């Protein structure tokens, strides 16, 4: 990462997610929104080949994705 780029604290993302749940949005809708935005950013900034390789890598490693600790964002149910 470039030193000039400020990292977004993951705690802010968790907080935003929790606020959306408190407003009545489902965890699945929130996750879908984040995923859609992320994929749009990747697709816009990568070549078609890079994007397809990344999406394939995500799919091929789906069993390696850990769950979040429940205290990180509160109850999402």
PDB file of N, CA and C in Angstrom:
ATOM      1  N   UNK A   1       0.847  -1.181   0.000  1.00  0.00           N
ATOM      2  CA  UNK A   1       0.000   0.000   0.000  1.00  0.00           C
ATOM      3  C   UNK A   1       0.886   1.236   0.000  1.00  0.00           C
ATOM      4  N   UNK A   2       0.492   2.211  -0.742  1.00  0.00           N
ATOM      5  CA  UNK A   2       1.198   3.488  -0.786  1.00  0.00           C
ATOM      6  C   UNK A   2       1.071   4.171   0.572  1.00  0.00           C
ATOM      7  N   UNK A   3       2.185   4.722   1.067  1.00  0.00           N
ATOM      8  CA  UNK A   3       2.167   5.386   2.378  1.00  0.00           C
ATOM      9  C   UNK A   3       1.241   6.598   2.413  1.00  0.00           C
ATOM     10  N   UNK A   4       0.929   7.166   1.261  1.00  0.00           N
ATOM     11  CA  UNK A   4       0.063   8.334   1.204  1.00  0.00           C
ATOM     12  C   UNK A   4      -1.423   7.982   1.326  1.00  0.00           C
ATOM     13  N   UNK A   5      -1.738   6.707   1.232  1.00  0.00           N
ATOM     14  CA  UNK A   5      -3.128   6.277   1.275  1.00  0.00           C
ATOM     15  C   UNK A   5      -3.494   5.939   2.721  1.00  0.00           C
ATOM     16  N   UNK A   6      -4.554   6.540   3.182  1.00  0.00           N
ATOM     17  CA  UNK A   6      -5.015   6.301   4.550  1.00  0.00           C
ATOM     18  C   UNK A   6      -5.884   5.047   4.558  1.00  0.00           C
ATOM     19  N   UNK A   7      -5.583   4.149   5.465  1.00  0.00           N
ATOM     20  CA  UNK A   7      -6.375   2.932   5.591  1.00  0.00           C
ATOM     21  C   UNK A   7      -7.674   3.236   6.331  1.00  0.00           C
ATOM     22  N   UNK A   8      -8.753   2.646   5.849  1.00  0.00           N
ATOM     23  CA  UNK A   8     -10.038   2.768   6.530  1.00  0.00           C
ATOM     24  C   UNK A   8     -10.052   1.782   7.697  1.00  0.00           C
ATOM     25  N   UNK A   9     -10.221   2.266   8.905  1.00  0.00           N
ATOM     26  CA  UNK A   9     -10.248   1.348  10.045  1.00  0.00           C
ATOM     27  C   UNK A   9     -11.422   0.378   9.920  1.00  0.00           C
ATOM     28  N   UNK A  10     -11.115  -0.906  10.042  1.00  0.00           N
ATOM     29  CA  UNK A  10     -12.159  -1.922   9.917  1.00  0.00           C
ATOM     30  C   UNK A  10     -13.237  -1.718  10.975  1.00  0.00           C
ATOM     31  N   UNK A  11     -12.865  -1.150  12.108  1.00  0.00           N
ATOM     32  CA  UNK A  11     -13.866  -0.905  13.149  1.00  0.00           C
ATOM     33  C   UNK A  11     -14.954   0.053  12.661  1.00  0.00           C
ATOM     34  N   UNK A  12     -14.604   0.999  11.784  1.00  0.00           N
ATOM     35  CA  UNK A  12     -15.607   1.910  11.221  1.00  0.00           C
ATOM     36  C   UNK A  12     -16.583   1.158  10.317  1.00  0.00           C
ATOM     37  N   UNK A  13     -16.065   0.186   9.585  1.00  0.00           N
ATOM     38  CA  UNK A  13     -16.927  -0.620   8.712  1.00  0.00           C
ATOM     39  C   UNK A  13     -17.866  -1.469   9.566  1.00  0.00           C
ATOM     40  N   UNK A  14     -17.336  -2.079  10.632  1.00  0.00           N
ATOM     41  CA  UNK A  14     -18.181  -2.854  11.538  1.00  0.00           C
ATOM     42  C   UNK A  14     -19.260  -1.978  12.160  1.00  0.00           C
ATOM     43  N   UNK A  15     -18.868  -0.780  12.588  1.00  0.00           N
ATOM     44  CA  UNK A  15     -19.826   0.143  13.201  1.00  0.00           C
ATOM     45  C   UNK A  15     -20.923   0.515  12.201  1.00  0.00           C
ATOM     46  N   UNK A  16     -20.533   0.833  10.975  1.00  0.00           N
ATOM     47  CA  UNK A  16     -21.507   1.172   9.941  1.00  0.00           C
ATOM     48  C   UNK A  16     -22.449  -0.005   9.686  1.00  0.00           C
ATOM     49  N   UNK A  17     -21.890  -1.213   9.640  1.00  0.00           N
ATOM     50  CA  UNK A  17     -22.709  -2.410   9.426  1.00  0.00           C
ATOM     51  C   UNK A  17     -23.728  -2.583  10.547  1.00  0.00           C
ATOM     52  N   UNK A  18     -23.274  -2.400  11.780  1.00  0.00           N
ATOM     53  CA  UNK A  18     -24.165  -2.528  12.929  1.00  0.00           C
ATOM     54  C   UNK A  18     -25.268  -1.476  12.880  1.00  0.00           C
ATOM     55  N   UNK A  19     -24.918  -0.256  12.499  1.00  0.00           N
ATOM     56  CA  UNK A  19     -25.919   0.813  12.383  1.00  0.00           C
ATOM     57  C   UNK A  19     -26.975   0.454  11.334  1.00  0.00           C
ATOM     58  N   UNK A  20     -26.552  -0.152  10.233  1.00  0.00           N
ATOM     59  CA  UNK A  20     -27.505  -0.557   9.200  1.00  0.00           C
ATOM     60  C   UNK A  20     -28.436  -1.654   9.717  1.00  0.00           C
ATOM     61  N   UNK A  21     -27.900  -2.594  10.492  1.00  0.00           N
ATOM     62  CA  UNK A  21     -28.740  -3.632  11.095  1.00  0.00           C
ATOM     63  C   UNK A  21     -29.757  -2.988  12.032  1.00  0.00           C
ATOM     64  N   UNK A  22     -29.307  -2.021  12.823  1.00  0.00           N
ATOM     65  CA  UNK A  22     -30.201  -1.338  13.759  1.00  0.00           C
ATOM     66  C   UNK A  22     -31.295  -0.567  13.035  1.00  0.00           C
ATOM     67  N   UNK A  23     -31.025  -0.167  11.785  1.00  0.00           N
ATOM     68  CA  UNK A  23     -32.032   0.529  10.970  1.00  0.00           C
ATOM     69  C   UNK A  23     -32.981  -0.454  10.284  1.00  0.00           C
ATOM     70  N   UNK A  24     -32.728  -1.756  10.450  1.00  0.00           N
ATOM     71  CA  UNK A  24     -33.649  -2.757   9.922  1.00  0.00           C
ATOM     72  C   UNK A  24     -33.177  -3.493   8.681  1.00  0.00           C
ATOM     73  N   UNK A  25     -31.987  -3.186   8.191  1.00  0.00           N
ATOM     74  CA  UNK A  25     -31.470  -3.906   7.027  1.00  0.00           C
ATOM     75  C   UNK A  25     -30.970  -5.278   7.459  1.00  0.00           C
ATOM     76  N   UNK A  26     -31.148  -6.275   6.616  1.00  0.00           N
ATOM     77  CA  UNK A  26     -30.695  -7.621   6.963  1.00  0.00           C
ATOM     78  C   UNK A  26     -29.191  -7.739   6.753  1.00  0.00           C
ATOM     79  N   UNK A  27     -28.553  -8.612   7.515  1.00  0.00           N
ATOM     80  CA  UNK A  27     -27.111  -8.833   7.317  1.00  0.00           C
ATOM     81  C   UNK A  27     -26.785  -9.232   5.882  1.00  0.00           C
ATOM     82  N   UNK A  28     -27.672  -9.993   5.258  1.00  0.00           N
ATOM     83  CA  UNK A  28     -27.431 -10.427   3.883  1.00  0.00           C
ATOM     84  C   UNK A  28     -27.481  -9.258   2.909  1.00  0.00           C
ATOM     85  N   UNK A  29     -28.397  -8.337   3.119  1.00  0.00           N
ATOM     86  CA  UNK A  29     -28.481  -7.157   2.249  1.00  0.00           C
ATOM     87  C   UNK A  29     -27.240  -6.283   2.420  1.00  0.00           C
ATOM     88  N   UNK A  30     -26.771  -6.159   3.648  1.00  0.00           N
ATOM     89  CA  UNK A  30     -25.575  -5.355   3.923  1.00  0.00           C
ATOM     90  C   UNK A  30     -24.357  -5.991   3.261  1.00  0.00           C
ATOM     91  N   UNK A  31     -24.189  -7.291   3.450  1.00  0.00           N
ATOM     92  CA  UNK A  31     -23.054  -7.993   2.845  1.00  0.00           C
ATOM     93  C   UNK A  31     -23.119  -7.910   1.323  1.00  0.00           C
ATOM     94  N   UNK A  32     -24.301  -8.041   0.761  1.00  0.00           N
ATOM     95  CA  UNK A  32     -24.452  -7.954  -0.688  1.00  0.00           C
ATOM     96  C   UNK A  32     -24.059  -6.564  -1.193  1.00  0.00           C
ATOM     97  N   UNK A  33     -24.425  -5.533  -0.459  1.00  0.00           N
ATOM     98  CA  UNK A  33     -24.084  -4.167  -0.848  1.00  0.00           C
ATOM     99  C   UNK A  33     -22.579  -3.955  -0.834  1.00  0.00           C
ATOM    100  N   UNK A  34     -21.920  -4.397   0.247  1.00  0.00           N
ATOM    101  CA  UNK A  34     -20.466  -4.261   0.326  1.00  0.00           C
ATOM    102  C   UNK A  34     -19.779  -5.052  -0.791  1.00  0.00           C
ATOM    103  N   UNK A  35     -20.265  -6.255  -1.045  1.00  0.00           N
ATOM    104  CA  UNK A  35     -19.681  -7.099  -2.090  1.00  0.00           C
ATOM    105  C   UNK A  35     -19.856  -6.462  -3.458  1.00  0.00           C
ATOM    106  N   UNK A  36     -21.039  -5.950  -3.741  1.00  0.00           N
ATOM    107  CA  UNK A  36     -21.303  -5.318  -5.028  1.00  0.00           C
ATOM    108  C   UNK A  36     -20.389  -4.112  -5.245  1.00  0.00           C
ATOM    109  N   UNK A  37     -20.269  -3.274  -4.235  1.00  0.00           N
ATOM    110  CA  UNK A  37     -19.412  -2.087  -4.357  1.00  0.00           C
ATOM    111  C   UNK A  37     -17.953  -2.510  -4.554  1.00  0.00           C
ATOM    112  N   UNK A  38     -17.503  -3.479  -3.782  1.00  0.00           N
ATOM    113  CA  UNK A  38     -16.119  -3.946  -3.915  1.00  0.00           C
ATOM    114  C   UNK A  38     -15.855  -4.492  -5.308  1.00  0.00           C
ATOM    115  N   UNK A  39     -16.750  -5.319  -5.811  1.00  0.00           N
ATOM    116  CA  UNK A  39     -16.560  -5.885  -7.153  1.00  0.00           C
ATOM    117  C   UNK A  39     -16.586  -4.801  -8.227  1.00  0.00           C
ATOM    118  N   UNK A  40     -17.427  -3.792  -8.054  1.00  0.00           N
ATOM    119  CA  UNK A  40     -17.450  -2.682  -9.017  1.00  0.00           C
ATOM    120  C   UNK A  40     -16.127  -1.920  -9.008  1.00  0.00           C
ATOM    121  N   UNK A  41     -15.575  -1.696  -7.824  1.00  0.00           N
ATOM    122  CA  UNK A  41     -14.289  -1.002  -7.726  1.00  0.00           C
ATOM    123  C   UNK A  41     -13.205  -1.832  -8.401  1.00  0.00           C
ATOM    124  N   UNK A  42     -13.155  -3.127  -8.097  1.00  0.00           N
ATOM    125  CA  UNK A  42     -12.152  -3.995  -8.716  1.00  0.00           C
ATOM    126  C   UNK A  42     -12.309  -4.036 -10.234  1.00  0.00           C
ATOM    127  N   UNK A  43     -13.533  -4.206 -10.685  1.00  0.00           N
ATOM    128  CA  UNK A  43     -13.769  -4.327 -12.135  1.00  0.00           C
ATOM    129  C   UNK A  43     -13.403  -3.041 -12.860  1.00  0.00           C
ATOM    130  N   UNK A  44     -13.614  -1.910 -12.219  1.00  0.00           N
ATOM    131  CA  UNK A  44     -13.289  -0.618 -12.819  1.00  0.00           C
ATOM    132  C   UNK A  44     -11.783  -0.383 -12.871  1.00  0.00           C
ATOM    133  N   UNK A  45     -11.071  -0.846 -11.851  1.00  0.00           N
ATOM    134  CA  UNK A  45      -9.653  -0.514 -11.743  1.00  0.00           C
ATOM    135  C   UNK A  45      -8.705  -1.615 -12.233  1.00  0.00           C
ATOM    136  N   UNK A  46      -9.233  -2.771 -12.590  1.00  0.00           N
ATOM    137  CA  UNK A  46      -8.389  -3.879 -13.054  1.00  0.00           C
ATOM    138  C   UNK A  46      -8.663  -4.182 -14.517  1.00  0.00           C
ATOM    139  N   UNK A  47      -7.697  -4.841 -15.139  1.00  0.00           N
ATOM    140  CA  UNK A  47      -7.947  -5.346 -16.493  1.00  0.00           C
ATOM    141  C   UNK A  47      -8.946  -6.499 -16.378  1.00  0.00           C
ATOM    142  N   UNK A  48      -9.548  -6.860 -17.476  1.00  0.00           N
ATOM    143  CA  UNK A  48     -10.498  -7.979 -17.479  1.00  0.00           C
ATOM    144  C   UNK A  48      -9.820  -9.247 -16.987  1.00  0.00           C
ATOM    145  N   UNK A  49      -8.591  -9.493 -17.428  1.00  0.00           N
ATOM    146  CA  UNK A  49      -7.861 -10.690 -17.012  1.00  0.00           C
ATOM    147  C   UNK A  49      -7.592 -10.679 -15.505  1.00  0.00           C
ATOM    148  N   UNK A  50      -7.147  -9.547 -14.971  1.00  0.00           N
ATOM    149  CA  UNK A  50      -6.876  -9.443 -13.536  1.00  0.00           C
ATOM    150  C   UNK A  50      -8.154  -9.650 -12.718  1.00  0.00           C
ATOM    151  N   UNK A  51      -9.231  -9.026 -13.173  1.00  0.00           N
ATOM    152  CA  UNK A  51     -10.511  -9.136 -12.471  1.00  0.00           C
ATOM    153  C   UNK A  51     -10.985 -10.592 -12.448  1.00  0.00           C
ATOM    154  N   UNK A  52     -10.943 -11.244 -13.601  1.00  0.00           N
ATOM    155  CA  UNK A  52     -11.401 -12.631 -13.675  1.00  0.00           C
ATOM    156  C   UNK A  52     -10.535 -13.552 -12.817  1.00  0.00           C
ATOM    157  N   UNK A  53      -9.219 -13.327 -12.805  1.00  0.00           N
ATOM    158  CA  UNK A  53      -8.329 -14.120 -11.945  1.00  0.00           C
ATOM    159  C   UNK A  53      -8.675 -13.924 -10.472  1.00  0.00           C
ATOM    160  N   UNK A  54      -8.943 -12.678 -10.087  1.00  0.00           N
ATOM    161  CA  UNK A  54      -9.271 -12.398  -8.695  1.00  0.00           C
ATOM    162  C   UNK A  54     -10.587 -13.063  -8.301  1.00  0.00           C
ATOM    163  N   UNK A  55     -11.602 -12.933  -9.130  1.00  0.00           N
ATOM    164  CA  UNK A  55     -12.902 -13.533  -8.820  1.00  0.00           C
ATOM    165  C   UNK A  55     -12.774 -15.057  -8.736  1.00  0.00           C
ATOM    166  N   UNK A  56     -12.011 -15.644  -9.645  1.00  0.00           N
ATOM    167  CA  UNK A  56     -11.778 -17.090  -9.593  1.00  0.00           C
ATOM    168  C   UNK A  56     -11.054 -17.484  -8.310  1.00  0.00           C
ATOM    169  N   UNK A  57     -10.061 -16.682  -7.903  1.00  0.00           N
ATOM    170  CA  UNK A  57      -9.309 -16.970  -6.682  1.00  0.00           C
ATOM    171  C   UNK A  57     -10.226 -16.892  -5.458  1.00  0.00           C
ATOM    172  N   UNK A  58     -11.096 -15.904  -5.433  1.00  0.00           N
ATOM    173  CA  UNK A  58     -12.054 -15.783  -4.332  1.00  0.00           C
ATOM    174  C   UNK A  58     -12.927 -17.036  -4.281  1.00  0.00           C
ATOM    175  N   UNK A  59     -13.448 -17.427  -5.422  1.00  0.00           N
ATOM    176  CA  UNK A  59     -14.321 -18.600  -5.482  1.00  0.00           C
ATOM    177  C   UNK A  59     -13.580 -19.868  -5.066  1.00  0.00           C
ATOM    178  N   UNK A  60     -12.350 -20.001  -5.537  1.00  0.00           N
ATOM    179  CA  UNK A  60     -11.573 -21.206  -5.234  1.00  0.00           C
ATOM    180  C   UNK A  60     -11.145 -21.291  -3.776  1.00  0.00           C
ATOM    181  N   UNK A  61     -11.184 -20.185  -3.063  1.00  0.00           N
ATOM    182  CA  UNK A  61     -10.770 -20.153  -1.659  1.00  0.00           C
ATOM    183  C   UNK A  61     -11.934 -19.899  -0.704  1.00  0.00           C
ATOM    184  N   UNK A  62     -13.142 -20.107  -1.169  1.00  0.00           N
ATOM    185  CA  UNK A  62     -14.320 -19.782  -0.361  1.00  0.00           C
ATOM    186  C   UNK A  62     -14.369 -20.536   0.966  1.00  0.00           C
ATOM    187  N   UNK A  63     -13.776 -21.730   1.021  1.00  0.00           N
ATOM    188  CA  UNK A  63     -13.791 -22.498   2.269  1.00  0.00           C
ATOM    189  C   UNK A  63     -12.772 -21.985   3.278  1.00  0.00           C
ATOM    190  N   UNK A  64     -11.924 -21.075   2.875  1.00  0.00           N
ATOM    191  CA  UNK A  64     -10.891 -20.535   3.770  1.00  0.00           C
ATOM    192  C   UNK A  64     -11.322 -19.217   4.424  1.00  0.00           C
ATOM    193  N   UNK A  65     -12.496 -18.713   4.092  1.00  0.00           N
ATOM    194  CA  UNK A  65     -12.971 -17.442   4.651  1.00  0.00           C
ATOM    195  C   UNK A  65     -13.459 -17.678   6.078  1.00  0.00           C
ATOM    196  N   UNK A  66     -12.859 -16.969   7.046  1.00  0.00           N
ATOM    197  CA  UNK A  66     -13.276 -17.162   8.438  1.00  0.00           C
ATOM    198  C   UNK A  66     -14.564 -16.395   8.741  1.00  0.00           C
ATOM    199  N   UNK A  67     -15.229 -16.797   9.794  1.00  0.00           N
ATOM    200  CA  UNK A  67     -16.391 -16.053  10.259  1.00  0.00           C
ATOM    201  C   UNK A  67     -15.915 -14.913  11.148  1.00  0.00           C
ATOM    202  N   UNK A  68     -16.774 -13.932  11.339  1.00  0.00           N
ATOM    203  CA  UNK A  68     -16.457 -12.809  12.220  1.00  0.00           C
ATOM    204  C   UNK A  68     -16.759 -13.188  13.660  1.00  0.00           C
ATOM    205  N   UNK A  69     -15.975 -12.660  14.599  1.00  0.00           N
ATOM    206  CA  UNK A  69     -16.342 -12.858  16.003  1.00  0.00           C
ATOM    207  C   UNK A  69     -17.642 -12.106  16.288  1.00  0.00           C
ATOM    208  N   UNK A  70     -18.517 -12.695  17.044  1.00  0.00           N
ATOM    209  CA  UNK A  70     -19.820 -12.075  17.264  1.00  0.00           C
ATOM    210  C   UNK A  70     -19.717 -10.732  17.968  1.00  0.00           C
ATOM    211  N   UNK A  71     -18.683 -10.523  18.761  1.00  0.00           N
ATOM    212  CA  UNK A  71     -18.562  -9.251  19.463  1.00  0.00           C
ATOM    213  C   UNK A  71     -17.992  -8.139  18.573  1.00  0.00           C
ATOM    214  N   UNK A  72     -17.533  -8.487  17.370  1.00  0.00           N
ATOM    215  CA  UNK A  72     -16.950  -7.478  16.479  1.00  0.00           C
ATOM    216  C   UNK A  72     -18.002  -6.515  15.956  1.00  0.00           C
ATOM    217  N   UNK A  73     -19.184  -7.026  15.665  1.00  0.00           N
ATOM    218  CA  UNK A  73     -20.230  -6.165  15.116  1.00  0.00           C
ATOM    219  C   UNK A  73     -21.562  -6.355  15.822  1.00  0.00           C
ATOM    220  N   UNK A  74     -21.550  -7.039  16.921  1.00  0.00           N
ATOM    221  CA  UNK A  74     -22.792  -7.260  17.644  1.00  0.00           C
ATOM    222  C   UNK A  74     -23.610  -8.342  16.960  1.00  0.00           C
ATOM    223  N   UNK A  75     -24.771  -8.534  17.428  1.00  0.00           N
ATOM    224  CA  UNK A  75     -25.646  -9.555  16.864  1.00  0.00           C
ATOM    225  C   UNK A  75     -26.221  -9.077  15.537  1.00  0.00           C
ATOM    226  N   UNK A  76     -26.041  -9.883  14.512  1.00  0.00           N
ATOM    227  CA  UNK A  76     -26.573  -9.519  13.198  1.00  0.00           C
ATOM    228  C   UNK A  76     -27.901 -10.201  12.911  1.00  0.00           C
ATOM    229  N   UNK A  77     -28.432 -10.872  13.892  1.00  0.00           N
ATOM    230  CA  UNK A  77     -29.682 -11.594  13.653  1.00  0.00           C
ATOM    231  C   UNK A  77     -30.852 -10.817  14.157  1.00  0.00           C
TER     232      UNK A  77
END
